[in-house]
Amino acid sequence: MYAIVEVGGHQYKVEKDQKLYVNRLDKEEGKDLELENILLYADNDNIKVGKPIVEGVKVKAKVLSHVKADKVLVFKKKRRKGYQKLNGHRQPLTQIQIEELKVTK
């Protein structure tokens, strides 16, 4: 049993008890979360595809922690001009755990 959900503009394939990192969410650590944009739900041979979302399916998750991703370095240089620029970026992420995939209808 799995579902494809949309969180923060990205699509993820999720299963029960799976942990994943998504873009930073405005929820406190330890709080429950309900993912609403379910694009596909599959249970063995029963597959429901949404147009654009599947009605009657809920995915419950729990916020585990807020972290930052590894640093990505961006280096810019223009040759023969003496121009160099080094810039770093760390993306803020939220770690969530999928607790339940439930069909309500």
PDB file of N, CA and C in Angstrom:
ATOM      1  N   MET A   1       0.849  -1.165   0.000  1.00  0.00           N
ATOM      2  CA  MET A   1       0.000   0.000   0.000  1.00  0.00           C
ATOM      3  C   MET A   1       0.899   1.233   0.000  1.00  0.00           C
ATOM      4  N   TYR A   2       0.652   2.137  -0.956  1.00  0.00           N
ATOM      5  CA  TYR A   2       1.423   3.370  -1.018  1.00  0.00           C
ATOM      6  C   TYR A   2       0.557   4.469  -1.612  1.00  0.00           C
ATOM      7  N   ALA A   3       1.051   5.690  -1.496  1.00  0.00           N
ATOM      8  CA  ALA A   3       0.364   6.847  -2.061  1.00  0.00           C
ATOM      9  C   ALA A   3       1.407   7.820  -2.580  1.00  0.00           C
ATOM     10  N   ILE A   4       1.015   8.606  -3.549  1.00  0.00           N
ATOM     11  CA  ILE A   4       1.862   9.695  -4.036  1.00  0.00           C
ATOM     12  C   ILE A   4       1.209  10.987  -3.575  1.00  0.00           C
ATOM     13  N   VAL A   5       1.946  11.748  -2.751  1.00  0.00           N
ATOM     14  CA  VAL A   5       1.411  12.976  -2.177  1.00  0.00           C
ATOM     15  C   VAL A   5       2.236  14.170  -2.645  1.00  0.00           C
ATOM     16  N   GLU A   6       1.606  15.334  -2.610  1.00  0.00           N
ATOM     17  CA  GLU A   6       2.299  16.572  -2.951  1.00  0.00           C
ATOM     18  C   GLU A   6       2.449  17.397  -1.681  1.00  0.00           C
ATOM     19  N   VAL A   7       3.697  17.728  -1.347  1.00  0.00           N
ATOM     20  CA  VAL A   7       3.995  18.528  -0.163  1.00  0.00           C
ATOM     21  C   VAL A   7       4.966  19.632  -0.587  1.00  0.00           C
ATOM     22  N   GLY A   8       4.544  20.858  -0.465  1.00  0.00           N
ATOM     23  CA  GLY A   8       5.425  21.982  -0.772  1.00  0.00           C
ATOM     24  C   GLY A   8       5.873  22.031  -2.224  1.00  0.00           C
ATOM     25  N   GLY A   9       5.001  21.605  -3.143  1.00  0.00           N
ATOM     26  CA  GLY A   9       5.342  21.662  -4.553  1.00  0.00           C
ATOM     27  C   GLY A   9       6.141  20.477  -5.057  1.00  0.00           C
ATOM     28  N   HIS A  10       6.477  19.529  -4.199  1.00  0.00           N
ATOM     29  CA  HIS A  10       7.215  18.333  -4.599  1.00  0.00           C
ATOM     30  C   HIS A  10       6.338  17.108  -4.380  1.00  0.00           C
ATOM     31  N   GLN A  11       6.544  16.088  -5.219  1.00  0.00           N
ATOM     32  CA  GLN A  11       5.770  14.866  -5.108  1.00  0.00           C
ATOM     33  C   GLN A  11       6.623  13.762  -4.493  1.00  0.00           C
ATOM     34  N   TYR A  12       6.026  13.002  -3.559  1.00  0.00           N
ATOM     35  CA  TYR A  12       6.730  11.935  -2.857  1.00  0.00           C
ATOM     36  C   TYR A  12       5.886  10.669  -2.865  1.00  0.00           C
ATOM     37  N   LYS A  13       6.537   9.529  -3.037  1.00  0.00           N
ATOM     38  CA  LYS A  13       5.874   8.232  -2.879  1.00  0.00           C
ATOM     39  C   LYS A  13       6.053   7.829  -1.429  1.00  0.00           C
ATOM     40  N   VAL A  14       4.943   7.634  -0.706  1.00  0.00           N
ATOM     41  CA  VAL A  14       5.017   7.365   0.727  1.00  0.00           C
ATOM     42  C   VAL A  14       4.343   6.042   1.062  1.00  0.00           C
ATOM     43  N   GLU A  15       4.875   5.383   2.091  1.00  0.00           N
ATOM     44  CA  GLU A  15       4.315   4.159   2.634  1.00  0.00           C
ATOM     45  C   GLU A  15       4.250   4.308   4.144  1.00  0.00           C
ATOM     46  N   LYS A  16       3.545   3.392   4.802  1.00  0.00           N
ATOM     47  CA  LYS A  16       3.406   3.449   6.252  1.00  0.00           C
ATOM     48  C   LYS A  16       4.762   3.286   6.921  1.00  0.00           C
ATOM     49  N   ASP A  17       5.009   4.040   7.992  1.00  0.00           N
ATOM     50  CA  ASP A  17       6.240   4.031   8.792  1.00  0.00           C
ATOM     51  C   ASP A  17       7.473   4.538   8.043  1.00  0.00           C
ATOM     52  N   GLN A  18       7.297   5.207   6.931  1.00  0.00           N
ATOM     53  CA  GLN A  18       8.417   5.763   6.178  1.00  0.00           C
ATOM     54  C   GLN A  18       8.774   7.138   6.733  1.00  0.00           C
ATOM     55  N   LYS A  19      10.078   7.432   6.773  1.00  0.00           N
ATOM     56  CA  LYS A  19      10.549   8.756   7.180  1.00  0.00           C
ATOM     57  C   LYS A  19      11.083   9.457   5.935  1.00  0.00           C
ATOM     58  N   LEU A  20      10.759  10.750   5.803  1.00  0.00           N
ATOM     59  CA  LEU A  20      11.270  11.496   4.673  1.00  0.00           C
ATOM     60  C   LEU A  20      11.442  12.958   5.039  1.00  0.00           C
ATOM     61  N   TYR A  21      12.261  13.627   4.249  1.00  0.00           N
ATOM     62  CA  TYR A  21      12.532  15.046   4.431  1.00  0.00           C
ATOM     63  C   TYR A  21      11.765  15.834   3.381  1.00  0.00           C
ATOM     64  N   VAL A  22      11.044  16.872   3.832  1.00  0.00           N
ATOM     65  CA  VAL A  22      10.306  17.760   2.942  1.00  0.00           C
ATOM     66  C   VAL A  22      10.741  19.191   3.245  1.00  0.00           C
ATOM     67  N   ASN A  23      10.361  20.125   2.371  1.00  0.00           N
ATOM     68  CA  ASN A  23      10.672  21.524   2.643  1.00  0.00           C
ATOM     69  C   ASN A  23      10.035  21.943   3.966  1.00  0.00           C
ATOM     70  N   ARG A  24      10.632  22.924   4.628  1.00  0.00           N
ATOM     71  CA  ARG A  24      10.235  23.341   5.971  1.00  0.00           C
ATOM     72  C   ARG A  24       8.736  23.601   6.056  1.00  0.00           C
ATOM     73  N   LEU A  25       8.095  22.982   7.054  1.00  0.00           N
ATOM     74  CA  LEU A  25       6.675  23.155   7.318  1.00  0.00           C
ATOM     75  C   LEU A  25       6.487  23.993   8.580  1.00  0.00           C
ATOM     76  N   ASP A  26       5.359  24.662   8.676  1.00  0.00           N
ATOM     77  CA  ASP A  26       5.067  25.512   9.835  1.00  0.00           C
ATOM     78  C   ASP A  26       4.337  24.725  10.922  1.00  0.00           C
ATOM     79  N   LYS A  27       4.880  23.615  11.328  1.00  0.00           N
ATOM     80  CA  LYS A  27       4.336  22.798  12.411  1.00  0.00           C
ATOM     81  C   LYS A  27       5.432  22.591  13.439  1.00  0.00           C
ATOM     82  N   GLU A  28       5.041  22.486  14.699  1.00  0.00           N
ATOM     83  CA  GLU A  28       6.012  22.240  15.757  1.00  0.00           C
ATOM     84  C   GLU A  28       6.404  20.764  15.773  1.00  0.00           C
ATOM     85  N   GLU A  29       7.588  20.490  16.333  1.00  0.00           N
ATOM     86  CA  GLU A  29       8.050  19.112  16.445  1.00  0.00           C
ATOM     87  C   GLU A  29       7.121  18.315  17.352  1.00  0.00           C
ATOM     88  N   GLY A  30       6.806  17.100  16.958  1.00  0.00           N
ATOM     89  CA  GLY A  30       5.941  16.240  17.735  1.00  0.00           C
ATOM     90  C   GLY A  30       4.465  16.375  17.395  1.00  0.00           C
ATOM     91  N   LYS A  31       4.096  17.356  16.596  1.00  0.00           N
ATOM     92  CA  LYS A  31       2.690  17.563  16.229  1.00  0.00           C
ATOM     93  C   LYS A  31       2.302  16.649  15.070  1.00  0.00           C
ATOM     94  N   ASP A  32       1.004  16.330  15.004  1.00  0.00           N
ATOM     95  CA  ASP A  32       0.486  15.521  13.911  1.00  0.00           C
ATOM     96  C   ASP A  32       0.176  16.405  12.713  1.00  0.00           C
ATOM     97  N   LEU A  33       0.181  15.787  11.541  1.00  0.00           N
ATOM     98  CA  LEU A  33       0.009  16.501  10.288  1.00  0.00           C
ATOM     99  C   LEU A  33      -0.842  15.638   9.378  1.00  0.00           C
ATOM    100  N   GLU A  34      -1.745  16.243   8.639  1.00  0.00           N
ATOM    101  CA  GLU A  34      -2.551  15.501   7.681  1.00  0.00           C
ATOM    102  C   GLU A  34      -2.244  16.031   6.290  1.00  0.00           C
ATOM    103  N   LEU A  35      -1.759  15.151   5.425  1.00  0.00           N
ATOM    104  CA  LEU A  35      -1.425  15.534   4.058  1.00  0.00           C
ATOM    105  C   LEU A  35      -2.681  15.419   3.210  1.00  0.00           C
ATOM    106  N   GLU A  36      -3.008  16.492   2.495  1.00  0.00           N
ATOM    107  CA  GLU A  36      -4.286  16.566   1.805  1.00  0.00           C
ATOM    108  C   GLU A  36      -4.195  16.336   0.301  1.00  0.00           C
ATOM    109  N   ASN A  37      -3.086  16.678  -0.322  1.00  0.00           N
ATOM    110  CA  ASN A  37      -2.974  16.547  -1.769  1.00  0.00           C
ATOM    111  C   ASN A  37      -2.481  15.145  -2.133  1.00  0.00           C
ATOM    112  N   ILE A  38      -3.410  14.194  -2.222  1.00  0.00           N
ATOM    113  CA  ILE A  38      -3.097  12.819  -2.583  1.00  0.00           C
ATOM    114  C   ILE A  38      -3.339  12.687  -4.083  1.00  0.00           C
ATOM    115  N   LEU A  39      -2.284  12.415  -4.845  1.00  0.00           N
ATOM    116  CA  LEU A  39      -2.406  12.338  -6.294  1.00  0.00           C
ATOM    117  C   LEU A  39      -2.709  10.926  -6.777  1.00  0.00           C
ATOM    118  N   LEU A  40      -2.267   9.911  -6.023  1.00  0.00           N
ATOM    119  CA  LEU A  40      -2.495   8.524  -6.398  1.00  0.00           C
ATOM    120  C   LEU A  40      -2.505   7.681  -5.136  1.00  0.00           C
ATOM    121  N   TYR A  41      -3.367   6.664  -5.108  1.00  0.00           N
ATOM    122  CA  TYR A  41      -3.419   5.731  -3.986  1.00  0.00           C
ATOM    123  C   TYR A  41      -3.475   4.323  -4.561  1.00  0.00           C
ATOM    124  N   ALA A  42      -2.597   3.438  -4.085  1.00  0.00           N
ATOM    125  CA  ALA A  42      -2.553   2.060  -4.580  1.00  0.00           C
ATOM    126  C   ALA A  42      -2.568   1.105  -3.400  1.00  0.00           C
ATOM    127  N   ASP A  43      -3.485   0.136  -3.454  1.00  0.00           N
ATOM    128  CA  ASP A  43      -3.583  -0.915  -2.447  1.00  0.00           C
ATOM    129  C   ASP A  43      -3.714  -2.233  -3.204  1.00  0.00           C
ATOM    130  N   ASN A  44      -2.601  -2.947  -3.337  1.00  0.00           N
ATOM    131  CA  ASN A  44      -2.519  -4.181  -4.138  1.00  0.00           C
ATOM    132  C   ASN A  44      -2.946  -3.894  -5.578  1.00  0.00           C
ATOM    133  N   ASP A  45      -4.083  -4.452  -6.033  1.00  0.00           N
ATOM    134  CA  ASP A  45      -4.532  -4.233  -7.415  1.00  0.00           C
ATOM    135  C   ASP A  45      -5.493  -3.065  -7.537  1.00  0.00           C
ATOM    136  N   ASN A  46      -5.883  -2.473  -6.411  1.00  0.00           N
ATOM    137  CA  ASN A  46      -6.810  -1.350  -6.411  1.00  0.00           C
ATOM    138  C   ASN A  46      -6.017  -0.052  -6.495  1.00  0.00           C
ATOM    139  N   ILE A  47      -6.099   0.625  -7.643  1.00  0.00           N
ATOM    140  CA  ILE A  47      -5.356   1.872  -7.846  1.00  0.00           C
ATOM    141  C   ILE A  47      -6.340   2.989  -8.138  1.00  0.00           C
ATOM    142  N   LYS A  48      -6.229   4.072  -7.371  1.00  0.00           N
ATOM    143  CA  LYS A  48      -7.062   5.254  -7.581  1.00  0.00           C
ATOM    144  C   LYS A  48      -6.165   6.397  -8.023  1.00  0.00           C
ATOM    145  N   VAL A  49      -6.483   6.982  -9.168  1.00  0.00           N
ATOM    146  CA  VAL A  49      -5.726   8.115  -9.694  1.00  0.00           C
ATOM    147  C   VAL A  49      -6.610   9.342  -9.591  1.00  0.00           C
ATOM    148  N   GLY A  50      -6.064  10.408  -9.048  1.00  0.00           N
ATOM    149  CA  GLY A  50      -6.838  11.624  -8.852  1.00  0.00           C
ATOM    150  C   GLY A  50      -6.891  12.500 -10.075  1.00  0.00           C
ATOM    151  N   LYS A  51      -7.932  13.339 -10.116  1.00  0.00           N
ATOM    152  CA  LYS A  51      -8.086  14.299 -11.205  1.00  0.00           C
ATOM    153  C   LYS A  51      -8.405  15.659 -10.619  1.00  0.00           C
ATOM    154  N   PRO A  52      -7.555  16.413 -10.019  1.00  0.00           N
ATOM    155  CA  PRO A  52      -6.128  16.177  -9.787  1.00  0.00           C
ATOM    156  C   PRO A  52      -5.830  15.450  -8.480  1.00  0.00           C
ATOM    157  N   ILE A  53      -6.771  15.432  -7.500  1.00  0.00           N
ATOM    158  CA  ILE A  53      -6.492  14.742  -6.244  1.00  0.00           C
ATOM    159  C   ILE A  53      -7.521  13.638  -6.029  1.00  0.00           C
ATOM    160  N   VAL A  54      -7.138  12.653  -5.218  1.00  0.00           N
ATOM    161  CA  VAL A  54      -8.018  11.530  -4.902  1.00  0.00           C
ATOM    162  C   VAL A  54      -8.887  11.918  -3.711  1.00  0.00           C
ATOM    163  N   GLU A  55     -10.188  11.742  -3.857  1.00  0.00           N
ATOM    164  CA  GLU A  55     -11.123  12.037  -2.778  1.00  0.00           C
ATOM    165  C   GLU A  55     -11.255  10.813  -1.876  1.00  0.00           C
ATOM    166  N   GLY A  56     -11.387  11.035  -0.570  1.00  0.00           N
ATOM    167  CA  GLY A  56     -11.647   9.949   0.356  1.00  0.00           C
ATOM    168  C   GLY A  56     -10.420   9.213   0.848  1.00  0.00           C
ATOM    169  N   VAL A  57      -9.234   9.742   0.625  1.00  0.00           N
ATOM    170  CA  VAL A  57      -7.999   9.120   1.113  1.00  0.00           C
ATOM    171  C   VAL A  57      -7.273  10.143   1.966  1.00  0.00           C
ATOM    172  N   LYS A  58      -6.818   9.709   3.137  1.00  0.00           N
ATOM    173  CA  LYS A  58      -6.094  10.599   4.040  1.00  0.00           C
ATOM    174  C   LYS A  58      -4.757   9.974   4.402  1.00  0.00           C
ATOM    175  N   VAL A  59      -3.734  10.807   4.494  1.00  0.00           N
ATOM    176  CA  VAL A  59      -2.411  10.373   4.921  1.00  0.00           C
ATOM    177  C   VAL A  59      -2.069  11.162   6.175  1.00  0.00           C
ATOM    178  N   LYS A  60      -1.859  10.441   7.272  1.00  0.00           N
ATOM    179  CA  LYS A  60      -1.501  11.086   8.535  1.00  0.00           C
ATOM    180  C   LYS A  60      -0.006  10.932   8.755  1.00  0.00           C
ATOM    181  N   ALA A  61       0.623  12.014   9.208  1.00  0.00           N
ATOM    182  CA  ALA A  61       2.065  12.025   9.437  1.00  0.00           C
ATOM    183  C   ALA A  61       2.352  12.748  10.746  1.00  0.00           C
ATOM    184  N   LYS A  62       3.589  12.607  11.223  1.00  0.00           N
ATOM    185  CA  LYS A  62       4.030  13.263  12.449  1.00  0.00           C
ATOM    186  C   LYS A  62       5.336  13.981  12.161  1.00  0.00           C
ATOM    187  N   VAL A  63       5.448  15.214  12.653  1.00  0.00           N
ATOM    188  CA  VAL A  63       6.674  16.000  12.464  1.00  0.00           C
ATOM    189  C   VAL A  63       7.703  15.520  13.488  1.00  0.00           C
ATOM    190  N   LEU A  64       8.848  15.052  13.001  1.00  0.00           N
ATOM    191  CA  LEU A  64       9.892  14.557  13.889  1.00  0.00           C
ATOM    192  C   LEU A  64      10.889  15.645  14.272  1.00  0.00           C
ATOM    193  N   SER A  65      11.388  16.395  13.280  1.00  0.00           N
ATOM    194  CA  SER A  65      12.385  17.419  13.589  1.00  0.00           C
ATOM    195  C   SER A  65      12.502  18.413  12.440  1.00  0.00           C
ATOM    196  N   HIS A  66      13.105  19.550  12.756  1.00  0.00           N
ATOM    197  CA  HIS A  66      13.447  20.569  11.763  1.00  0.00           C
ATOM    198  C   HIS A  66      14.962  20.608  11.672  1.00  0.00           C
ATOM    199  N   VAL A  67      15.500  20.457  10.473  1.00  0.00           N
ATOM    200  CA  VAL A  67      16.948  20.412  10.269  1.00  0.00           C
ATOM    201  C   VAL A  67      17.313  21.267   9.062  1.00  0.00           C
ATOM    202  N   LYS A  68      18.611  21.380   8.825  1.00  0.00           N
ATOM    203  CA  LYS A  68      19.123  22.019   7.617  1.00  0.00           C
ATOM    204  C   LYS A  68      19.870  20.977   6.801  1.00  0.00           C
ATOM    205  N   ALA A  69      19.748  21.077   5.492  1.00  0.00           N
ATOM    206  CA  ALA A  69      20.426  20.145   4.592  1.00  0.00           C
ATOM    207  C   ALA A  69      21.918  20.470   4.546  1.00  0.00           C
ATOM    208  N   ASP A  70      22.677  19.616   3.887  1.00  0.00           N
ATOM    209  CA  ASP A  70      24.101  19.863   3.707  1.00  0.00           C
ATOM    210  C   ASP A  70      24.314  21.138   2.898  1.00  0.00           C
ATOM    211  N   LYS A  71      25.452  21.778   3.123  1.00  0.00           N
ATOM    212  CA  LYS A  71      25.740  23.035   2.448  1.00  0.00           C
ATOM    213  C   LYS A  71      26.061  22.787   0.971  1.00  0.00           C
ATOM    214  N   VAL A  72      25.464  23.615   0.139  1.00  0.00           N
ATOM    215  CA  VAL A  72      25.739  23.599  -1.293  1.00  0.00           C
ATOM    216  C   VAL A  72      26.525  24.862  -1.603  1.00  0.00           C
ATOM    217  N   LEU A  73      27.709  24.708  -2.186  1.00  0.00           N
ATOM    218  CA  LEU A  73      28.547  25.854  -2.514  1.00  0.00           C
ATOM    219  C   LEU A  73      28.320  26.269  -3.958  1.00  0.00           C
ATOM    220  N   VAL A  74      28.148  27.592  -4.163  1.00  0.00           N
ATOM    221  CA  VAL A  74      27.976  28.152  -5.493  1.00  0.00           C
ATOM    222  C   VAL A  74      29.170  29.066  -5.742  1.00  0.00           C
ATOM    223  N   PHE A  75      29.966  28.743  -6.753  1.00  0.00           N
ATOM    224  CA  PHE A  75      31.167  29.522  -7.055  1.00  0.00           C
ATOM    225  C   PHE A  75      31.005  30.156  -8.427  1.00  0.00           C
ATOM    226  N   LYS A  76      31.145  31.487  -8.479  1.00  0.00           N
ATOM    227  CA  LYS A  76      31.040  32.219  -9.734  1.00  0.00           C
ATOM    228  C   LYS A  76      32.393  32.840 -10.044  1.00  0.00           C
ATOM    229  N   LYS A  77      32.772  32.811 -11.314  1.00  0.00           N
ATOM    230  CA  LYS A  77      34.054  33.391 -11.712  1.00  0.00           C
ATOM    231  C   LYS A  77      33.958  33.866 -13.151  1.00  0.00           C
ATOM    232  N   LYS A  78      34.552  35.018 -13.400  1.00  0.00           N
ATOM    233  CA  LYS A  78      34.681  35.516 -14.762  1.00  0.00           C
ATOM    234  C   LYS A  78      36.163  35.586 -15.073  1.00  0.00           C
ATOM    235  N   ARG A  79      36.557  34.881 -16.069  1.00  0.00           N
ATOM    236  CA  ARG A  79      37.989  34.788 -16.335  1.00  0.00           C
ATOM    237  C   ARG A  79      38.557  36.119 -16.853  1.00  0.00           C
ATOM    238  N   ARG A  80      39.786  36.330 -16.456  1.00  0.00           N
ATOM    239  CA  ARG A  80      40.579  37.515 -16.820  1.00  0.00           C
ATOM    240  C   ARG A  80      39.995  38.823 -16.305  1.00  0.00           C
ATOM    241  N   LYS A  81      39.062  38.797 -15.398  1.00  0.00           N
ATOM    242  CA  LYS A  81      38.480  40.019 -14.851  1.00  0.00           C
ATOM    243  C   LYS A  81      38.771  40.180 -13.362  1.00  0.00           C
ATOM    244  N   GLY A  82      39.295  39.140 -12.724  1.00  0.00           N
ATOM    245  CA  GLY A  82      39.567  39.206 -11.297  1.00  0.00           C
ATOM    246  C   GLY A  82      38.316  39.069 -10.441  1.00  0.00           C
ATOM    247  N   TYR A  83      37.215  38.592 -11.037  1.00  0.00           N
ATOM    248  CA  TYR A  83      35.954  38.469 -10.304  1.00  0.00           C
ATOM    249  C   TYR A  83      35.770  37.027  -9.835  1.00  0.00           C
ATOM    250  N   GLN A  84      35.600  36.867  -8.517  1.00  0.00           N
ATOM    251  CA  GLN A  84      35.276  35.569  -7.930  1.00  0.00           C
ATOM    252  C   GLN A  84      34.255  35.796  -6.826  1.00  0.00           C
ATOM    253  N   LYS A  85      33.289  34.908  -6.736  1.00  0.00           N
ATOM    254  CA  LYS A  85      32.282  35.009  -5.692  1.00  0.00           C
ATOM    255  C   LYS A  85      31.941  33.605  -5.221  1.00  0.00           C
ATOM    256  N   LEU A  86      32.046  33.368  -3.912  1.00  0.00           N
ATOM    257  CA  LEU A  86      31.696  32.090  -3.311  1.00  0.00           C
ATOM    258  C   LEU A  86      30.482  32.307  -2.421  1.00  0.00           C
ATOM    259  N   ASN A  87      29.467  31.522  -2.647  1.00  0.00           N
ATOM    260  CA  ASN A  87      28.230  31.658  -1.898  1.00  0.00           C
ATOM    261  C   ASN A  87      27.795  30.280  -1.434  1.00  0.00           C
ATOM    262  N   GLY A  88      27.248  30.180  -0.235  1.00  0.00           N
ATOM    263  CA  GLY A  88      26.772  28.903   0.287  1.00  0.00           C
ATOM    264  C   GLY A  88      25.292  28.973   0.608  1.00  0.00           C
ATOM    265  N   HIS A  89      24.653  27.787   0.605  1.00  0.00           N
ATOM    266  CA  HIS A  89      23.224  27.726   0.896  1.00  0.00           C
ATOM    267  C   HIS A  89      22.921  26.426   1.629  1.00  0.00           C
ATOM    268  N   ARG A  90      22.107  26.515   2.698  1.00  0.00           N
ATOM    269  CA  ARG A  90      21.621  25.328   3.397  1.00  0.00           C
ATOM    270  C   ARG A  90      20.101  25.380   3.418  1.00  0.00           C
ATOM    271  N   GLN A  91      19.481  24.410   2.783  1.00  0.00           N
ATOM    272  CA  GLN A  91      18.024  24.381   2.666  1.00  0.00           C
ATOM    273  C   GLN A  91      17.395  23.937   3.980  1.00  0.00           C
ATOM    274  N   PRO A  92      16.414  24.679   4.509  1.00  0.00           N
ATOM    275  CA  PRO A  92      15.714  24.225   5.720  1.00  0.00           C
ATOM    276  C   PRO A  92      14.738  23.101   5.378  1.00  0.00           C
ATOM    277  N   LEU A  93      14.790  22.004   6.141  1.00  0.00           N
ATOM    278  CA  LEU A  93      13.966  20.828   5.895  1.00  0.00           C
ATOM    279  C   LEU A  93      13.204  20.423   7.149  1.00  0.00           C
ATOM    280  N   THR A  94      12.154  19.661   6.962  1.00  0.00           N
ATOM    281  CA  THR A  94      11.396  19.067   8.054  1.00  0.00           C
ATOM    282  C   THR A  94      11.364  17.564   7.839  1.00  0.00           C
ATOM    283  N   GLN A  95      11.705  16.814   8.877  1.00  0.00           N
ATOM    284  CA  GLN A  95      11.639  15.357   8.792  1.00  0.00           C
ATOM    285  C   GLN A  95      10.283  14.910   9.318  1.00  0.00           C
ATOM    286  N   ILE A  96       9.555  14.147   8.497  1.00  0.00           N
ATOM    287  CA  ILE A  96       8.247  13.645   8.909  1.00  0.00           C
ATOM    288  C   ILE A  96       8.231  12.126   8.815  1.00  0.00           C
ATOM    289  N   GLN A  97       7.330  11.516   9.581  1.00  0.00           N
ATOM    290  CA  GLN A  97       7.134  10.075   9.527  1.00  0.00           C
ATOM    291  C   GLN A  97       5.676   9.806   9.180  1.00  0.00           C
ATOM    292  N   ILE A  98       5.464   8.969   8.176  1.00  0.00           N
ATOM    293  CA  ILE A  98       4.114   8.617   7.750  1.00  0.00           C
ATOM    294  C   ILE A  98       3.568   7.593   8.730  1.00  0.00           C
ATOM    295  N   GLU A  99       2.451   7.901   9.353  1.00  0.00           N
ATOM    296  CA  GLU A  99       1.876   7.007  10.356  1.00  0.00           C
ATOM    297  C   GLU A  99       0.737   6.152   9.814  1.00  0.00           C
ATOM    298  N   GLU A 100      -0.048   6.689   8.884  1.00  0.00           N
ATOM    299  CA  GLU A 100      -1.223   5.949   8.451  1.00  0.00           C
ATOM    300  C   GLU A 100      -1.672   6.413   7.071  1.00  0.00           C
ATOM    301  N   LEU A 101      -2.057   5.462   6.239  1.00  0.00           N
ATOM    302  CA  LEU A 101      -2.746   5.737   4.968  1.00  0.00           C
ATOM    303  C   LEU A 101      -4.141   5.169   5.127  1.00  0.00           C
ATOM    304  N   LYS A 102      -5.152   6.028   5.033  1.00  0.00           N
ATOM    305  CA  LYS A 102      -6.496   5.591   5.372  1.00  0.00           C
ATOM    306  C   LYS A 102      -7.486   5.996   4.295  1.00  0.00           C
ATOM    307  N   VAL A 103      -8.338   5.050   3.902  1.00  0.00           N
ATOM    308  CA  VAL A 103      -9.412   5.317   2.962  1.00  0.00           C
ATOM    309  C   VAL A 103     -10.675   5.566   3.771  1.00  0.00           C
ATOM    310  N   THR A 104     -11.300   6.725   3.557  1.00  0.00           N
ATOM    311  CA  THR A 104     -12.483   7.077   4.339  1.00  0.00           C
ATOM    312  C   THR A 104     -13.775   6.732   3.625  1.00  0.00           C
ATOM    313  N   LYS A 105     -13.736   6.623   2.302  1.00  0.00           N
ATOM    314  CA  LYS A 105     -14.970   6.318   1.555  1.00  0.00           C
ATOM    315  C   LYS A 105     -14.890   4.939   0.966  1.00  0.00           C
TER     316      LYS A 105
END
